[in-house]
Amino acid sequence: MNGVKKEHLPSKICPVCRLPFSWRKKWERNWERVKYCSERCRREAKLKRSTS
């Protein structure tokens, strides 16, 4: 994805905070499996699952 402008990158909506987030280079190999915008939201989701 070299030389692609930020507005043309794929994006998703985080299920925890409901905010959109864009593709990042570190997610290049597993973008299909990325669900959360941040480590904080991932931990929050894990917390909610274990308490319910």
C-alpha atoms as a PDB file:
ATOM      1  CA  MET A   1       0.000   0.000   0.000  1.00  0.00           C
ATOM      2  CA  ASN A   2       2.862   2.368  -0.714  1.00  0.00           C
ATOM      3  CA  GLY A   3       1.918   5.894  -1.645  1.00  0.00           C
ATOM      4  CA  VAL A   4      -1.772   5.571  -0.785  1.00  0.00           C
ATOM      5  CA  LYS A   5      -3.366   8.635   0.739  1.00  0.00           C
ATOM      6  CA  LYS A   6      -4.900   8.189   4.179  1.00  0.00           C
ATOM      7  CA  GLU A   7      -8.432   8.911   2.981  1.00  0.00           C
ATOM      8  CA  HIS A   8      -8.153   5.954   0.567  1.00  0.00           C
ATOM      9  CA  LEU A   9      -7.107   3.385   3.179  1.00  0.00           C
ATOM     10  CA  PRO A  10      -9.618   0.732   4.259  1.00  0.00           C
ATOM     11  CA  SER A  11     -11.337   1.380   7.572  1.00  0.00           C
ATOM     12  CA  LYS A  12     -13.506  -0.410  10.130  1.00  0.00           C
ATOM     13  CA  ILE A  13     -15.671   0.533  13.113  1.00  0.00           C
ATOM     14  CA  CYS A  14     -14.433  -0.565  16.533  1.00  0.00           C
ATOM     15  CA  PRO A  15     -17.150  -2.600  18.315  1.00  0.00           C
ATOM     16  CA  VAL A  16     -16.125  -1.226  21.735  1.00  0.00           C
ATOM     17  CA  CYS A  17     -15.804   2.538  21.243  1.00  0.00           C
ATOM     18  CA  ARG A  18     -17.838   2.693  17.985  1.00  0.00           C
ATOM     19  CA  LEU A  19     -15.234   4.951  16.333  1.00  0.00           C
ATOM     20  CA  PRO A  20     -13.797   4.386  12.858  1.00  0.00           C
ATOM     21  CA  PHE A  21     -10.164   3.348  12.512  1.00  0.00           C
ATOM     22  CA  SER A  22      -7.980   2.979   9.433  1.00  0.00           C
ATOM     23  CA  TRP A  23      -5.607   0.336   8.143  1.00  0.00           C
ATOM     24  CA  ARG A  24      -2.094   0.449   9.575  1.00  0.00           C
ATOM     25  CA  LYS A  25       1.128  -1.029   8.233  1.00  0.00           C
ATOM     26  CA  LYS A  26       1.490  -3.259  11.325  1.00  0.00           C
ATOM     27  CA  TRP A  27      -1.894  -4.861  10.462  1.00  0.00           C
ATOM     28  CA  GLU A  28      -0.886  -5.563   6.855  1.00  0.00           C
ATOM     29  CA  ARG A  29      -0.775  -9.360   7.219  1.00  0.00           C
ATOM     30  CA  ASN A  30      -3.937  -9.794   9.301  1.00  0.00           C
ATOM     31  CA  TRP A  31      -6.274  -6.871   8.516  1.00  0.00           C
ATOM     32  CA  GLU A  32      -9.188  -9.305   8.111  1.00  0.00           C
ATOM     33  CA  ARG A  33      -8.767 -10.448  11.740  1.00  0.00           C
ATOM     34  CA  VAL A  34      -8.345  -6.956  13.274  1.00  0.00           C
ATOM     35  CA  LYS A  35     -11.461  -6.051  15.282  1.00  0.00           C
ATOM     36  CA  TYR A  36     -10.430  -3.327  17.698  1.00  0.00           C
ATOM     37  CA  CYS A  37      -8.867   0.112  17.162  1.00  0.00           C
ATOM     38  CA  SER A  38      -6.482  -0.185  20.104  1.00  0.00           C
ATOM     39  CA  GLU A  39      -5.091  -2.452  22.777  1.00  0.00           C
ATOM     40  CA  ARG A  40      -7.275  -0.603  25.281  1.00  0.00           C
ATOM     41  CA  CYS A  41     -10.477  -1.499  23.402  1.00  0.00           C
ATOM     42  CA  ARG A  42      -9.307  -5.096  22.988  1.00  0.00           C
ATOM     43  CA  ARG A  43      -8.756  -5.388  26.758  1.00  0.00           C
ATOM     44  CA  GLU A  44     -12.112  -3.716  27.454  1.00  0.00           C
ATOM     45  CA  ALA A  45     -13.910  -6.249  25.248  1.00  0.00           C
ATOM     46  CA  LYS A  46     -12.106  -9.121  26.952  1.00  0.00           C
ATOM     47  CA  LEU A  47     -13.114  -7.722  30.369  1.00  0.00           C
ATOM     48  CA  LYS A  48     -16.764  -7.444  29.348  1.00  0.00           C
ATOM     49  CA  ARG A  49     -16.792 -11.029  28.065  1.00  0.00           C
ATOM     50  CA  SER A  50     -15.293 -12.457  31.260  1.00  0.00           C
ATOM     51  CA  THR A  51     -17.695 -10.606  33.589  1.00  0.00           C
ATOM     52  CA  SER A  52     -20.887 -11.511  31.759  1.00  0.00           C
END
